[in-house]
N, C-alpha and C. Protein backbone atom coordinates (compact mmCIF):
# COMPACT_ATOMS: atom_id res chain seq x y z
N UNK A 1 91.21 22.13 17.62
CA UNK A 1 91.78 23.46 17.78
C UNK A 1 90.65 24.49 17.84
N UNK A 2 90.81 25.47 18.69
CA UNK A 2 89.79 26.51 18.84
C UNK A 2 89.75 27.35 17.57
N UNK A 3 88.59 27.91 17.31
CA UNK A 3 88.43 28.74 16.12
C UNK A 3 89.24 30.02 16.28
N UNK A 4 89.87 30.45 15.18
CA UNK A 4 90.66 31.68 15.19
C UNK A 4 89.71 32.88 15.33
N UNK A 5 90.14 33.87 16.08
CA UNK A 5 89.35 35.10 16.21
C UNK A 5 90.05 36.20 15.43
N UNK A 6 89.25 37.04 14.75
CA UNK A 6 89.83 38.02 13.85
C UNK A 6 89.88 39.44 14.38
N UNK A 7 89.17 39.73 15.45
CA UNK A 7 89.17 41.09 15.97
C UNK A 7 89.06 41.06 17.50
N UNK A 8 89.39 42.18 18.11
CA UNK A 8 89.28 42.29 19.57
C UNK A 8 87.82 42.10 19.99
N UNK A 9 86.89 42.63 19.20
CA UNK A 9 85.46 42.47 19.50
C UNK A 9 85.11 40.98 19.53
N UNK A 10 85.66 40.21 18.57
CA UNK A 10 85.45 38.75 18.55
C UNK A 10 85.99 38.10 19.82
N UNK A 11 87.17 38.56 20.25
CA UNK A 11 87.79 38.00 21.46
C UNK A 11 86.86 38.19 22.65
N UNK A 12 86.33 39.39 22.81
CA UNK A 12 85.46 39.69 23.95
C UNK A 12 84.18 38.85 23.89
N UNK A 13 83.66 38.64 22.70
CA UNK A 13 82.46 37.82 22.53
C UNK A 13 82.77 36.36 22.86
N UNK A 14 83.96 35.92 22.49
CA UNK A 14 84.35 34.52 22.61
C UNK A 14 84.85 34.15 24.02
N UNK A 15 85.28 35.14 24.80
CA UNK A 15 85.86 34.90 26.14
C UNK A 15 85.01 33.95 27.01
N UNK A 16 83.72 34.19 27.16
CA UNK A 16 82.92 33.29 28.01
C UNK A 16 82.92 31.84 27.50
N UNK A 17 83.01 31.65 26.18
CA UNK A 17 83.03 30.30 25.61
C UNK A 17 84.35 29.58 25.87
N UNK A 18 85.43 30.34 25.93
CA UNK A 18 86.76 29.76 26.16
C UNK A 18 87.08 29.60 27.65
N UNK A 19 86.28 30.23 28.49
CA UNK A 19 86.54 30.26 29.94
C UNK A 19 86.44 28.86 30.55
N UNK A 20 87.48 28.47 31.28
CA UNK A 20 87.53 27.17 31.96
C UNK A 20 87.08 27.39 33.41
N UNK A 21 85.80 27.12 33.69
CA UNK A 21 85.26 27.37 35.03
C UNK A 21 85.96 26.53 36.09
N UNK A 22 86.40 25.32 35.73
CA UNK A 22 87.10 24.45 36.68
C UNK A 22 88.38 25.08 37.20
N UNK A 23 89.12 25.75 36.31
CA UNK A 23 90.39 26.38 36.70
C UNK A 23 90.16 27.62 37.56
N UNK A 24 88.92 28.13 37.55
CA UNK A 24 88.61 29.37 38.27
C UNK A 24 87.94 29.12 39.61
N UNK A 25 87.76 27.86 39.99
CA UNK A 25 87.14 27.57 41.28
C UNK A 25 87.99 28.17 42.41
N UNK A 26 87.35 28.93 43.29
CA UNK A 26 88.05 29.53 44.43
C UNK A 26 88.87 30.75 44.09
N UNK A 27 88.88 31.17 42.84
CA UNK A 27 89.66 32.33 42.41
C UNK A 27 88.79 33.58 42.38
N UNK A 28 89.29 34.66 42.95
CA UNK A 28 88.62 35.95 42.89
C UNK A 28 89.68 36.95 42.45
N UNK A 29 89.56 37.42 41.20
CA UNK A 29 90.57 38.32 40.65
C UNK A 29 90.00 39.13 39.50
N UNK A 30 90.63 40.28 39.26
CA UNK A 30 90.25 41.12 38.13
C UNK A 30 91.48 41.33 37.24
N UNK A 31 91.34 40.95 35.98
CA UNK A 31 92.36 41.16 34.97
C UNK A 31 91.98 42.40 34.17
N UNK A 32 92.89 43.37 34.10
CA UNK A 32 92.67 44.57 33.29
C UNK A 32 93.54 44.46 32.04
N UNK A 33 92.95 44.68 30.87
CA UNK A 33 93.69 44.66 29.62
C UNK A 33 93.69 46.05 29.02
N UNK A 34 94.88 46.58 28.73
CA UNK A 34 95.03 47.86 28.04
C UNK A 34 95.71 47.57 26.72
N UNK A 35 94.91 47.53 25.66
CA UNK A 35 95.43 47.19 24.33
C UNK A 35 95.62 48.46 23.52
N UNK A 36 96.76 48.56 22.86
CA UNK A 36 97.12 49.77 22.12
C UNK A 36 97.08 49.50 20.61
N UNK A 37 97.19 50.55 19.81
CA UNK A 37 97.25 50.40 18.37
C UNK A 37 95.90 50.56 17.70
N UNK A 38 95.80 50.05 16.46
CA UNK A 38 94.62 50.26 15.63
C UNK A 38 93.32 49.80 16.29
N UNK A 39 93.32 48.61 16.87
CA UNK A 39 92.10 48.11 17.51
C UNK A 39 92.17 48.29 19.02
N UNK A 40 92.99 49.21 19.47
CA UNK A 40 93.21 49.41 20.89
C UNK A 40 91.92 49.63 21.67
N UNK A 41 91.89 49.06 22.85
CA UNK A 41 90.72 49.21 23.72
C UNK A 41 91.12 48.84 25.14
N UNK A 42 90.26 49.10 26.06
CA UNK A 42 90.46 48.67 27.46
C UNK A 42 89.27 47.81 27.85
N UNK A 43 89.58 46.65 28.46
CA UNK A 43 88.51 45.81 28.98
C UNK A 43 89.03 45.06 30.19
N UNK A 44 88.11 44.47 30.95
CA UNK A 44 88.52 43.74 32.14
C UNK A 44 87.73 42.45 32.26
N UNK A 45 88.35 41.50 32.93
CA UNK A 45 87.73 40.21 33.20
C UNK A 45 87.66 40.05 34.72
N UNK A 46 86.45 40.04 35.25
CA UNK A 46 86.27 39.85 36.69
C UNK A 46 85.88 38.39 36.93
N UNK A 47 86.75 37.67 37.64
CA UNK A 47 86.52 36.26 37.92
C UNK A 47 86.19 36.11 39.40
N UNK A 48 85.11 35.40 39.67
CA UNK A 48 84.68 35.21 41.05
C UNK A 48 84.22 33.77 41.23
N UNK A 49 85.11 32.94 41.75
CA UNK A 49 84.81 31.54 42.08
C UNK A 49 84.10 30.79 40.95
N UNK A 50 84.71 30.81 39.77
CA UNK A 50 84.17 30.04 38.65
C UNK A 50 83.25 30.82 37.73
N UNK A 51 82.93 32.05 38.07
CA UNK A 51 82.10 32.85 37.17
C UNK A 51 82.95 33.95 36.54
N UNK A 52 82.53 34.39 35.36
CA UNK A 52 83.28 35.39 34.60
C UNK A 52 82.36 36.53 34.20
N UNK A 53 82.85 37.76 34.37
CA UNK A 53 82.16 38.93 33.87
C UNK A 53 83.14 39.71 33.00
N UNK A 54 82.79 39.89 31.73
CA UNK A 54 83.63 40.66 30.81
C UNK A 54 83.10 42.08 30.81
N UNK A 55 83.96 43.04 31.16
CA UNK A 55 83.54 44.43 31.22
C UNK A 55 84.37 45.31 30.31
N UNK A 56 83.75 46.34 29.75
CA UNK A 56 84.48 47.29 28.92
C UNK A 56 85.04 48.39 29.81
N UNK A 57 86.15 48.98 29.37
CA UNK A 57 86.75 50.09 30.09
C UNK A 57 87.71 49.64 31.17
N UNK A 58 88.03 50.56 32.06
CA UNK A 58 89.00 50.33 33.11
C UNK A 58 88.30 49.97 34.42
N UNK A 59 88.75 48.89 35.06
CA UNK A 59 88.19 48.47 36.35
C UNK A 59 88.84 49.32 37.45
N UNK A 60 88.09 49.60 38.51
CA UNK A 60 88.59 50.45 39.59
C UNK A 60 89.76 49.83 40.36
N UNK A 61 89.75 48.50 40.54
CA UNK A 61 90.82 47.89 41.33
C UNK A 61 91.24 46.52 40.78
N UNK A 62 91.96 46.53 39.64
CA UNK A 62 92.42 45.25 39.07
C UNK A 62 93.55 44.64 39.90
N UNK A 63 93.64 43.30 39.88
CA UNK A 63 94.75 42.60 40.55
C UNK A 63 95.96 42.52 39.63
N UNK A 64 95.72 42.61 38.32
CA UNK A 64 96.78 42.54 37.33
C UNK A 64 96.37 43.39 36.14
N UNK A 65 97.35 44.10 35.55
CA UNK A 65 97.10 44.88 34.34
C UNK A 65 98.04 44.38 33.26
N UNK A 66 97.46 44.02 32.12
CA UNK A 66 98.22 43.50 30.99
C UNK A 66 98.14 44.54 29.87
N UNK A 67 99.31 44.99 29.42
CA UNK A 67 99.38 46.00 28.38
C UNK A 67 100.13 45.43 27.18
N UNK A 68 99.54 45.54 26.00
CA UNK A 68 100.22 45.12 24.78
C UNK A 68 99.46 45.66 23.57
N UNK A 69 100.10 45.58 22.39
CA UNK A 69 99.45 46.00 21.15
C UNK A 69 98.30 45.04 20.86
N UNK A 70 97.21 45.58 20.36
CA UNK A 70 96.03 44.76 20.06
C UNK A 70 96.38 43.66 19.05
N UNK A 71 97.22 43.98 18.06
CA UNK A 71 97.59 42.98 17.05
C UNK A 71 98.38 41.83 17.68
N UNK A 72 99.28 42.15 18.62
CA UNK A 72 100.04 41.10 19.31
C UNK A 72 99.12 40.26 20.19
N UNK A 73 98.14 40.92 20.83
CA UNK A 73 97.19 40.20 21.67
C UNK A 73 96.39 39.20 20.83
N UNK A 74 95.94 39.63 19.65
CA UNK A 74 95.20 38.72 18.76
C UNK A 74 96.07 37.53 18.38
N UNK A 75 97.35 37.79 18.06
CA UNK A 75 98.26 36.69 17.73
C UNK A 75 98.38 35.73 18.91
N UNK A 76 98.46 36.27 20.12
CA UNK A 76 98.60 35.43 21.31
C UNK A 76 97.33 34.59 21.53
N UNK A 77 96.18 35.21 21.42
CA UNK A 77 94.91 34.50 21.61
C UNK A 77 94.75 33.39 20.57
N UNK A 78 95.26 33.63 19.37
CA UNK A 78 95.13 32.67 18.28
C UNK A 78 96.27 31.65 18.26
N UNK A 79 97.15 31.69 19.27
CA UNK A 79 98.22 30.71 19.37
C UNK A 79 99.40 30.96 18.44
N UNK A 80 99.48 32.16 17.86
CA UNK A 80 100.59 32.48 16.95
C UNK A 80 101.75 33.15 17.68
N UNK A 81 101.50 33.64 18.89
CA UNK A 81 102.53 34.31 19.68
C UNK A 81 102.56 33.69 21.07
N UNK A 82 103.71 33.16 21.44
CA UNK A 82 103.88 32.53 22.75
C UNK A 82 103.88 33.61 23.83
N UNK A 83 103.02 33.46 24.86
CA UNK A 83 102.94 34.50 25.91
C UNK A 83 104.28 34.74 26.61
N UNK A 84 105.04 33.69 26.89
CA UNK A 84 106.33 33.89 27.57
C UNK A 84 107.30 34.66 26.68
N UNK A 85 107.32 34.32 25.39
CA UNK A 85 108.20 35.03 24.46
C UNK A 85 107.77 36.49 24.32
N UNK A 86 106.46 36.72 24.29
CA UNK A 86 105.94 38.09 24.19
C UNK A 86 106.38 38.90 25.40
N UNK A 87 106.33 38.29 26.58
CA UNK A 87 106.74 38.98 27.82
C UNK A 87 108.24 39.27 27.79
N UNK A 88 109.03 38.25 27.43
CA UNK A 88 110.48 38.40 27.46
C UNK A 88 110.98 39.39 26.40
N UNK A 89 110.24 39.53 25.31
CA UNK A 89 110.65 40.46 24.25
C UNK A 89 110.08 41.87 24.46
N UNK A 90 109.28 42.04 25.52
CA UNK A 90 108.74 43.36 25.84
C UNK A 90 107.44 43.69 25.13
N UNK A 91 106.89 42.75 24.36
CA UNK A 91 105.61 42.99 23.68
C UNK A 91 104.45 42.92 24.66
N UNK A 92 104.65 42.21 25.76
CA UNK A 92 103.63 42.01 26.78
C UNK A 92 104.16 42.57 28.09
N UNK A 93 103.43 43.54 28.65
CA UNK A 93 103.85 44.14 29.93
C UNK A 93 102.81 43.80 30.98
N UNK A 94 103.30 43.41 32.16
CA UNK A 94 102.41 43.00 33.24
C UNK A 94 102.72 43.82 34.49
N UNK A 95 101.66 44.35 35.10
CA UNK A 95 101.79 45.05 36.38
C UNK A 95 100.84 44.35 37.35
N UNK A 96 101.34 44.03 38.54
CA UNK A 96 100.49 43.38 39.52
C UNK A 96 100.91 41.94 39.77
N UNK A 97 99.94 41.09 40.03
CA UNK A 97 100.16 39.70 40.44
C UNK A 97 100.61 38.82 39.27
N UNK A 98 101.91 38.50 39.23
CA UNK A 98 102.46 37.66 38.16
C UNK A 98 101.84 36.26 38.17
N UNK A 99 101.45 35.76 39.33
CA UNK A 99 100.83 34.45 39.43
C UNK A 99 99.55 34.37 38.61
N UNK A 100 98.82 35.48 38.56
CA UNK A 100 97.59 35.53 37.78
C UNK A 100 97.90 35.45 36.29
N UNK A 101 99.01 36.05 35.88
CA UNK A 101 99.42 35.98 34.47
C UNK A 101 99.67 34.54 34.08
N UNK A 102 100.33 33.78 34.95
CA UNK A 102 100.64 32.38 34.67
C UNK A 102 99.36 31.54 34.58
N UNK A 103 98.32 31.97 35.29
CA UNK A 103 97.06 31.22 35.33
C UNK A 103 96.19 31.44 34.08
N UNK A 104 96.49 32.47 33.31
CA UNK A 104 95.67 32.79 32.13
C UNK A 104 95.53 31.61 31.18
N UNK A 105 96.60 30.87 30.95
CA UNK A 105 96.53 29.76 30.00
C UNK A 105 95.62 28.65 30.50
N UNK A 106 95.47 28.51 31.81
CA UNK A 106 94.54 27.52 32.35
C UNK A 106 93.10 28.05 32.28
N UNK A 107 92.94 29.33 32.55
CA UNK A 107 91.61 29.93 32.56
C UNK A 107 91.01 30.06 31.15
N UNK A 108 91.87 30.36 30.19
CA UNK A 108 91.43 30.53 28.80
C UNK A 108 92.32 29.72 27.87
N UNK A 109 92.10 28.40 27.82
CA UNK A 109 92.93 27.54 26.97
C UNK A 109 92.84 27.97 25.50
N UNK A 110 93.99 27.97 24.83
CA UNK A 110 94.05 28.41 23.44
C UNK A 110 93.61 27.30 22.49
N UNK A 111 94.08 26.08 22.74
CA UNK A 111 93.74 25.00 21.79
C UNK A 111 92.62 24.14 22.34
């Protein structure tokens, strides 16, 4: 099982280690995250054919924007909150390419 992360800063540091380059072959996309609440922040993940760039702030042209509370995002990253349940209950909001949302679990495996 992957190590639990305790803060959004930890998540950003850990992203490159969790990144599955095989699942990203041939993929060119930008994921924008808008996290709200106490640890709220904005960051983006630019994926280009197996490579990953983690950027702070808002990207100029994301393919998908994911909005949720920072605490819920941490629960999701740590495997405590099911992404589909979070979406269906309104805790997770997605704008843009839904196919990219489905690919997140392959790109960043939780366990």
